[in-house]
PDB file of N, CA and C in Angstrom:
ATOM      1  N   UNK A   1     109.782 260.120  65.688  1.00  0.00           N
ATOM      2  CA  UNK A   1     111.148 260.375  65.316  1.00  0.00           C
ATOM      3  C   UNK A   1     111.858 261.064  66.476  1.00  0.00           C
ATOM      4  N   UNK A   2     113.118 260.787  66.601  1.00  0.00           N
ATOM      5  CA  UNK A   2     113.920 261.371  67.663  1.00  0.00           C
ATOM      6  C   UNK A   2     115.183 261.978  67.074  1.00  0.00           C
ATOM      7  N   UNK A   3     115.637 263.051  67.684  1.00  0.00           N
ATOM      8  CA  UNK A   3     116.937 263.621  67.316  1.00  0.00           C
ATOM      9  C   UNK A   3     117.978 262.973  68.204  1.00  0.00           C
ATOM     10  N   UNK A   4     119.156 262.758  67.693  1.00  0.00           N
ATOM     11  CA  UNK A   4     120.235 262.341  68.571  1.00  0.00           C
ATOM     12  C   UNK A   4     121.538 262.918  68.076  1.00  0.00           C
ATOM     13  N   UNK A   5     122.423 263.176  69.012  1.00  0.00           N
ATOM     14  CA  UNK A   5     123.750 263.690  68.706  1.00  0.00           C
ATOM     15  C   UNK A   5     124.712 262.565  68.994  1.00  0.00           C
ATOM     16  N   UNK A   6     125.533 262.219  68.043  1.00  0.00           N
ATOM     17  CA  UNK A   6     126.468 261.128  68.254  1.00  0.00           C
ATOM     18  C   UNK A   6     127.872 261.687  68.258  1.00  0.00           C
ATOM     19  N   UNK A   7     128.623 261.386  69.293  1.00  0.00           N
ATOM     20  CA  UNK A   7     130.011 261.836  69.373  1.00  0.00           C
ATOM     21  C   UNK A   7     130.917 260.655  69.095  1.00  0.00           C
ATOM     22  N   UNK A   8     131.816 260.834  68.174  1.00  0.00           N
ATOM     23  CA  UNK A   8     132.745 259.779  67.814  1.00  0.00           C
ATOM     24  C   UNK A   8     134.092 260.421  67.525  1.00  0.00           C
ATOM     25  N   UNK A   9     135.100 260.026  68.227  1.00  0.00           N
ATOM     26  CA  UNK A   9     136.456 260.545  68.059  1.00  0.00           C
ATOM     27  C   UNK A   9     136.448 262.077  68.171  1.00  0.00           C
ATOM     28  N   UNK A  10     135.740 262.588  69.183  1.00  0.00           N
ATOM     29  CA  UNK A  10     135.705 264.021  69.419  1.00  0.00           C
ATOM     30  C   UNK A  10     134.865 264.810  68.430  1.00  0.00           C
ATOM     31  N   UNK A  11     134.199 264.148  67.516  1.00  0.00           N
ATOM     32  CA  UNK A  11     133.402 264.800  66.496  1.00  0.00           C
ATOM     33  C   UNK A  11     131.941 264.742  66.903  1.00  0.00           C
ATOM     34  N   UNK A  12     131.184 265.776  66.598  1.00  0.00           N
ATOM     35  CA  UNK A  12     129.760 265.769  66.899  1.00  0.00           C
ATOM     36  C   UNK A  12     128.984 265.649  65.598  1.00  0.00           C
ATOM     37  N   UNK A  13     128.061 264.704  65.562  1.00  0.00           N
ATOM     38  CA  UNK A  13     127.252 264.450  64.374  1.00  0.00           C
ATOM     39  C   UNK A  13     125.800 264.596  64.793  1.00  0.00           C
ATOM     40  N   UNK A  14     125.041 265.410  64.071  1.00  0.00           N
ATOM     41  CA  UNK A  14     123.619 265.552  64.370  1.00  0.00           C
ATOM     42  C   UNK A  14     122.831 264.923  63.234  1.00  0.00           C
ATOM     43  N   UNK A  15     121.879 264.085  63.597  1.00  0.00           N
ATOM     44  CA  UNK A  15     121.020 263.453  62.598  1.00  0.00           C
ATOM     45  C   UNK A  15     119.711 263.076  63.267  1.00  0.00           C
ATOM     46  N   UNK A  16     118.802 262.542  62.521  1.00  0.00           N
ATOM     47  CA  UNK A  16     117.520 262.084  63.056  1.00  0.00           C
ATOM     48  C   UNK A  16     117.442 260.584  62.860  1.00  0.00           C
ATOM     49  N   UNK A  17     116.784 259.916  63.794  1.00  0.00           N
ATOM     50  CA  UNK A  17     116.627 258.473  63.686  1.00  0.00           C
ATOM     51  C   UNK A  17     115.269 258.078  64.225  1.00  0.00           C
ATOM     52  N   UNK A  18     114.724 257.021  63.673  1.00  0.00           N
ATOM     53  CA  UNK A  18     113.456 256.481  64.138  1.00  0.00           C
ATOM     54  C   UNK A  18     113.744 255.343  65.108  1.00  0.00           C
ATOM     55  N   UNK A  19     113.043 255.349  66.236  1.00  0.00           N
ATOM     56  CA  UNK A  19     113.194 254.267  67.208  1.00  0.00           C
ATOM     57  C   UNK A  19     112.374 253.088  66.697  1.00  0.00           C
ATOM     58  N   UNK A  20     113.020 251.913  66.644  1.00  0.00           N
ATOM     59  CA  UNK A  20     112.333 250.706  66.156  1.00  0.00           C
ATOM     60  C   UNK A  20     112.493 249.571  67.146  1.00  0.00           C
ATOM     61  N   UNK A  21     111.530 248.681  67.159  1.00  0.00           N
ATOM     62  CA  UNK A  21     111.614 247.503  68.012  1.00  0.00           C
ATOM     63  C   UNK A  21     112.677 246.570  67.438  1.00  0.00           C
ATOM     64  N   UNK A  22     113.493 246.023  68.319  1.00  0.00           N
ATOM     65  CA  UNK A  22     114.585 245.147  67.916  1.00  0.00           C
ATOM     66  C   UNK A  22     114.628 244.030  68.947  1.00  0.00           C
ATOM     67  N   UNK A  23     113.940 242.933  68.669  1.00  0.00           N
ATOM     68  CA  UNK A  23     113.803 241.852  69.653  1.00  0.00           C
ATOM     69  C   UNK A  23     112.984 242.344  70.825  1.00  0.00           C
ATOM     70  N   UNK A  24     113.530 242.243  72.040  1.00  0.00           N
ATOM     71  CA  UNK A  24     112.843 242.735  73.226  1.00  0.00           C
ATOM     72  C   UNK A  24     113.339 244.122  73.617  1.00  0.00           C
ATOM     73  N   UNK A  25     114.017 244.808  72.711  1.00  0.00           N
ATOM     74  CA  UNK A  25     114.579 246.131  72.974  1.00  0.00           C
ATOM     75  C   UNK A  25     114.138 247.096  71.886  1.00  0.00           C
ATOM     76  N   UNK A  26     114.619 248.317  71.981  1.00  0.00           N
ATOM     77  CA  UNK A  26     114.443 249.303  70.934  1.00  0.00           C
ATOM     78  C   UNK A  26     115.815 249.637  70.364  1.00  0.00           C
ATOM     79  N   UNK A  27     115.847 250.019  69.106  1.00  0.00           N
ATOM     80  CA  UNK A  27     117.119 250.353  68.485  1.00  0.00           C
ATOM     81  C   UNK A  27     117.003 251.591  67.619  1.00  0.00           C
ATOM     82  N   UNK A  28     118.129 252.241  67.390  1.00  0.00           N
ATOM     83  CA  UNK A  28     118.227 253.380  66.481  1.00  0.00           C
ATOM     84  C   UNK A  28     119.109 252.960  65.320  1.00  0.00           C
ATOM     85  N   UNK A  29     118.686 253.245  64.127  1.00  0.00           N
ATOM     86  CA  UNK A  29     119.451 252.889  62.941  1.00  0.00           C
ATOM     87  C   UNK A  29     120.200 254.129  62.467  1.00  0.00           C
ATOM     88  N   UNK A  30     121.504 254.026  62.391  1.00  0.00           N
ATOM     89  CA  UNK A  30     122.344 255.103  61.874  1.00  0.00           C
ATOM     90  C   UNK A  30     122.485 254.895  60.364  1.00  0.00           C
ATOM     91  N   UNK A  31     122.093 255.877  59.562  1.00  0.00           N
ATOM     92  CA  UNK A  31     122.216 255.722  58.113  1.00  0.00           C
ATOM     93  C   UNK A  31     123.659 255.419  57.703  1.00  0.00           C
ATOM     94  N   UNK A  32     123.806 254.481  56.761  1.00  0.00           N
ATOM     95  CA  UNK A  32     125.122 254.012  56.333  1.00  0.00           C
ATOM     96  C   UNK A  32     125.984 255.138  55.778  1.00  0.00           C
ATOM     97  N   UNK A  33     125.388 256.074  55.024  1.00  0.00           N
ATOM     98  CA  UNK A  33     126.189 257.157  54.449  1.00  0.00           C
ATOM     99  C   UNK A  33     126.782 258.054  55.541  1.00  0.00           C
ATOM    100  N   UNK A  34     126.061 258.271  56.633  1.00  0.00           N
ATOM    101  CA  UNK A  34     126.590 259.069  57.742  1.00  0.00           C
ATOM    102  C   UNK A  34     127.717 258.313  58.434  1.00  0.00           C
ATOM    103  N   UNK A  35     127.506 257.012  58.656  1.00  0.00           N
ATOM    104  CA  UNK A  35     128.550 256.200  59.293  1.00  0.00           C
ATOM    105  C   UNK A  35     129.822 256.204  58.453  1.00  0.00           C
ATOM    106  N   UNK A  36     129.698 256.017  57.158  1.00  0.00           N
ATOM    107  CA  UNK A  36     130.875 256.007  56.278  1.00  0.00           C
ATOM    108  C   UNK A  36     131.573 257.364  56.264  1.00  0.00           C
ATOM    109  N   UNK A  37     130.773 258.427  56.165  1.00  0.00           N
ATOM    110  CA  UNK A  37     131.331 259.776  56.102  1.00  0.00           C
ATOM    111  C   UNK A  37     132.166 260.115  57.332  1.00  0.00           C
ATOM    112  N   UNK A  38     131.789 259.562  58.482  1.00  0.00           N
ATOM    113  CA  UNK A  38     132.478 259.892  59.728  1.00  0.00           C
ATOM    114  C   UNK A  38     133.364 258.751  60.237  1.00  0.00           C
ATOM    115  N   UNK A  39     133.558 257.743  59.416  1.00  0.00           N
ATOM    116  CA  UNK A  39     134.474 256.666  59.775  1.00  0.00           C
ATOM    117  C   UNK A  39     133.999 255.789  60.921  1.00  0.00           C
ATOM    118  N   UNK A  40     132.703 255.660  61.075  1.00  0.00           N
ATOM    119  CA  UNK A  40     132.149 254.825  62.144  1.00  0.00           C
ATOM    120  C   UNK A  40     132.005 253.403  61.604  1.00  0.00           C
ATOM    121  N   UNK A  41     132.505 252.450  62.358  1.00  0.00           N
ATOM    122  CA  UNK A  41     132.476 251.059  61.918  1.00  0.00           C
ATOM    123  C   UNK A  41     131.649 250.218  62.885  1.00  0.00           C
ATOM    124  N   UNK A  42     131.286 249.046  62.406  1.00  0.00           N
ATOM    125  CA  UNK A  42     130.479 248.120  63.213  1.00  0.00           C
ATOM    126  C   UNK A  42     131.176 247.799  64.534  1.00  0.00           C
ATOM    127  N   UNK A  43     130.408 247.750  65.602  1.00  0.00           N
ATOM    128  CA  UNK A  43     130.833 247.412  66.964  1.00  0.00           C
ATOM    129  C   UNK A  43     131.704 248.482  67.614  1.00  0.00           C
ATOM    130  N   UNK A  44     131.841 249.642  66.965  1.00  0.00           N
ATOM    131  CA  UNK A  44     132.564 250.760  67.576  1.00  0.00           C
ATOM    132  C   UNK A  44     131.690 251.348  68.678  1.00  0.00           C
ATOM    133  N   UNK A  45     132.296 251.732  69.774  1.00  0.00           N
ATOM    134  CA  UNK A  45     131.559 252.340  70.879  1.00  0.00           C
ATOM    135  C   UNK A  45     131.417 253.838  70.594  1.00  0.00           C
ATOM    136  N   UNK A  46     130.192 254.333  70.653  1.00  0.00           N
ATOM    137  CA  UNK A  46     129.911 255.753  70.461  1.00  0.00           C
ATOM    138  C   UNK A  46     129.063 256.239  71.632  1.00  0.00           C
ATOM    139  N   UNK A  47     129.061 257.523  71.861  1.00  0.00           N
ATOM    140  CA  UNK A  47     128.280 258.123  72.933  1.00  0.00           C
ATOM    141  C   UNK A  47     127.077 258.830  72.320  1.00  0.00           C
ATOM    142  N   UNK A  48     125.886 258.571  72.851  1.00  0.00           N
ATOM    143  CA  UNK A  48     124.662 259.186  72.338  1.00  0.00           C
ATOM    144  C   UNK A  48     124.073 260.125  73.379  1.00  0.00           C
ATOM    145  N   UNK A  49     123.564 261.249  72.922  1.00  0.00           N
ATOM    146  CA  UNK A  49     122.804 262.163  73.752  1.00  0.00           C
ATOM    147  C   UNK A  49     121.443 262.278  73.082  1.00  0.00           C
ATOM    148  N   UNK A  50     120.404 261.746  73.685  1.00  0.00           N
ATOM    149  CA  UNK A  50     119.096 261.647  73.035  1.00  0.00           C
ATOM    150  C   UNK A  50     118.176 262.750  73.535  1.00  0.00           C
ATOM    151  N   UNK A  51     117.522 263.426  72.584  1.00  0.00           N
ATOM    152  CA  UNK A  51     116.551 264.471  72.903  1.00  0.00           C
ATOM    153  C   UNK A  51     115.283 264.151  72.121  1.00  0.00           C
ATOM    154  N   UNK A  52     114.207 263.904  72.816  1.00  0.00           N
ATOM    155  CA  UNK A  52     112.946 263.555  72.172  1.00  0.00           C
ATOM    156  C   UNK A  52     112.369 264.775  71.472  1.00  0.00           C
ATOM    157  N   UNK A  53     111.925 264.590  70.239  1.00  0.00           N
ATOM    158  CA  UNK A  53     111.296 265.659  69.473  1.00  0.00           C
ATOM    159  C   UNK A  53     109.887 265.855  70.010  1.00  0.00           C
ATOM    160  N   UNK A  54     109.503 267.098  70.354  1.00  0.00           N
ATOM    161  CA  UNK A  54     108.161 267.310  70.906  1.00  0.00           C
ATOM    162  C   UNK A  54     107.077 266.973  69.897  1.00  0.00           C
ATOM    163  N   UNK A  55     105.989 266.449  70.396  1.00  0.00           N
ATOM    164  CA  UNK A  55     104.834 266.128  69.567  1.00  0.00           C
ATOM    165  C   UNK A  55     103.960 267.377  69.500  1.00  0.00           C
ATOM    166  N   UNK A  56     103.769 267.918  68.312  1.00  0.00           N
ATOM    167  CA  UNK A  56     103.024 269.163  68.134  1.00  0.00           C
ATOM    168  C   UNK A  56     101.611 269.041  68.697  1.00  0.00           C
ATOM    169  N   UNK A  57     101.039 267.854  68.640  1.00  0.00           N
ATOM    170  CA  UNK A  57      99.672 267.679  69.148  1.00  0.00           C
ATOM    171  C   UNK A  57      99.579 267.961  70.641  1.00  0.00           C
ATOM    172  N   UNK A  58     100.683 267.807  71.371  1.00  0.00           N
ATOM    173  CA  UNK A  58     100.668 268.073  72.807  1.00  0.00           C
ATOM    174  C   UNK A  58     100.645 269.568  73.102  1.00  0.00           C
ATOM    175  N   UNK A  59     100.992 270.398  72.127  1.00  0.00           N
ATOM    176  CA  UNK A  59     101.017 271.840  72.335  1.00  0.00           C
ATOM    177  C   UNK A  59      99.623 272.468  72.273  1.00  0.00           C
ATOM    178  N   UNK A  60      98.685 271.834  71.568  1.00  0.00           N
ATOM    179  CA  UNK A  60      97.347 272.395  71.436  1.00  0.00           C
ATOM    180  C   UNK A  60      96.687 272.501  72.802  1.00  0.00           C
ATOM    181  N   UNK A  61      96.142 273.675  73.073  1.00  0.00           N
ATOM    182  CA  UNK A  61      95.467 273.912  74.340  1.00  0.00           C
ATOM    183  C   UNK A  61      96.396 274.312  75.459  1.00  0.00           C
ATOM    184  N   UNK A  62      97.695 274.369  75.199  1.00  0.00           N
ATOM    185  CA  UNK A  62      98.635 274.705  76.267  1.00  0.00           C
ATOM    186  C   UNK A  62      98.778 276.211  76.458  1.00  0.00           C
ATOM    187  N   UNK A  63      98.410 276.998  75.441  1.00  0.00           N
ATOM    188  CA  UNK A  63      98.486 278.450  75.549  1.00  0.00           C
ATOM    189  C   UNK A  63      97.147 279.000  76.017  1.00  0.00           C
ATOM    190  N   UNK A  64      97.196 279.913  76.957  1.00  0.00           N
ATOM    191  CA  UNK A  64      95.976 280.528  77.467  1.00  0.00           C
ATOM    192  C   UNK A  64      95.794 281.881  76.789  1.00  0.00           C
ATOM    193  N   UNK A  65      94.828 281.965  75.885  1.00  0.00           N
ATOM    194  CA  UNK A  65      94.543 283.191  75.146  1.00  0.00           C
ATOM    195  C   UNK A  65      93.284 283.801  75.740  1.00  0.00           C
ATOM    196  N   UNK A  66      93.371 285.069  76.073  1.00  0.00           N
ATOM    197  CA  UNK A  66      92.256 285.731  76.771  1.00  0.00           C
ATOM    198  C   UNK A  66      91.212 286.285  75.814  1.00  0.00           C
ATOM    199  N   UNK A  67      91.580 286.535  74.570  1.00  0.00           N
ATOM    200  CA  UNK A  67      90.634 287.069  73.591  1.00  0.00           C
ATOM    201  C   UNK A  67      90.016 285.923  72.801  1.00  0.00           C
ATOM    202  N   UNK A  68      88.761 286.074  72.408  1.00  0.00           N
ATOM    203  CA  UNK A  68      88.158 285.060  71.530  1.00  0.00           C
ATOM    204  C   UNK A  68      88.873 285.039  70.178  1.00  0.00           C
ATOM    205  N   UNK A  69      88.956 283.878  69.560  1.00  0.00           N
ATOM    206  CA  UNK A  69      89.674 283.739  68.288  1.00  0.00           C
ATOM    207  C   UNK A  69      89.075 284.611  67.194  1.00  0.00           C
ATOM    208  N   UNK A  70      87.760 284.797  67.215  1.00  0.00           N
ATOM    209  CA  UNK A  70      87.112 285.644  66.201  1.00  0.00           C
ATOM    210  C   UNK A  70      87.602 287.090  66.333  1.00  0.00           C
ATOM    211  N   UNK A  71      87.770 287.574  67.553  1.00  0.00           N
ATOM    212  CA  UNK A  71      88.258 288.930  67.778  1.00  0.00           C
ATOM    213  C   UNK A  71      89.699 289.063  67.282  1.00  0.00           C
ATOM    214  N   UNK A  72      90.521 288.072  67.548  1.00  0.00           N
ATOM    215  CA  UNK A  72      91.912 288.094  67.080  1.00  0.00           C
ATOM    216  C   UNK A  72      91.951 288.124  65.558  1.00  0.00           C
ATOM    217  N   UNK A  73      91.110 287.290  64.928  1.00  0.00           N
ATOM    218  CA  UNK A  73      91.048 287.248  63.458  1.00  0.00           C
ATOM    219  C   UNK A  73      90.651 288.597  62.887  1.00  0.00           C
ATOM    220  N   UNK A  74      89.643 289.237  63.484  1.00  0.00           N
ATOM    221  CA  UNK A  74      89.189 290.544  62.991  1.00  0.00           C
ATOM    222  C   UNK A  74      90.269 291.610  63.153  1.00  0.00           C
ATOM    223  N   UNK A  75      90.998 291.580  64.253  1.00  0.00           N
ATOM    224  CA  UNK A  75      92.087 292.532  64.473  1.00  0.00           C
ATOM    225  C   UNK A  75      93.193 292.333  63.427  1.00  0.00           C
ATOM    226  N   UNK A  76      93.511 291.091  63.130  1.00  0.00           N
ATOM    227  CA  UNK A  76      94.537 290.817  62.127  1.00  0.00           C
ATOM    228  C   UNK A  76      94.096 291.271  60.740  1.00  0.00           C
ATOM    229  N   UNK A  77      92.824 291.009  60.390  1.00  0.00           N
ATOM    230  CA  UNK A  77      92.307 291.433  59.088  1.00  0.00           C
ATOM    231  C   UNK A  77      92.374 292.947  58.949  1.00  0.00           C
ATOM    232  N   UNK A  78      92.042 293.657  60.037  1.00  0.00           N
ATOM    233  CA  UNK A  78      92.072 295.120  60.027  1.00  0.00           C
ATOM    234  C   UNK A  78      93.504 295.601  59.764  1.00  0.00           C
ATOM    235  N   UNK A  79      94.485 294.988  60.395  1.00  0.00           N
ATOM    236  CA  UNK A  79      95.889 295.379  60.181  1.00  0.00           C
ATOM    237  C   UNK A  79      96.365 295.062  58.762  1.00  0.00           C
ATOM    238  N   UNK A  80      95.886 293.955  58.190  1.00  0.00           N
ATOM    239  CA  UNK A  80      96.298 293.578  56.836  1.00  0.00           C
ATOM    240  C   UNK A  80      95.820 294.599  55.821  1.00  0.00           C
ATOM    241  N   UNK A  81      94.620 295.186  56.065  1.00  0.00           N
ATOM    242  CA  UNK A  81      94.036 296.144  55.119  1.00  0.00           C
ATOM    243  C   UNK A  81      94.748 297.487  55.163  1.00  0.00           C
ATOM    244  N   UNK A  82      95.405 297.783  56.290  1.00  0.00           N
ATOM    245  CA  UNK A  82      96.083 299.086  56.437  1.00  0.00           C
ATOM    246  C   UNK A  82      97.379 299.149  55.689  1.00  0.00           C
TER     247      UNK A  82
END
């Protein structure tokens, strides 16, 4: 899934869209209720600013923790009891 911001007639609309294969290209589907709500019609030119949503799986292992996880767990348990 990707986030995208669509600007139309000076208005900013934030929504989420799934990238799908469309022939030999990729396409984003704008939900009809959002298009209607903001007066967007077929073949209207809009400006998109695309920001890829980070994949949480890529974050694993990226943090360098110096203490063993068991030690961290024991420290947290000690604080919870206090």
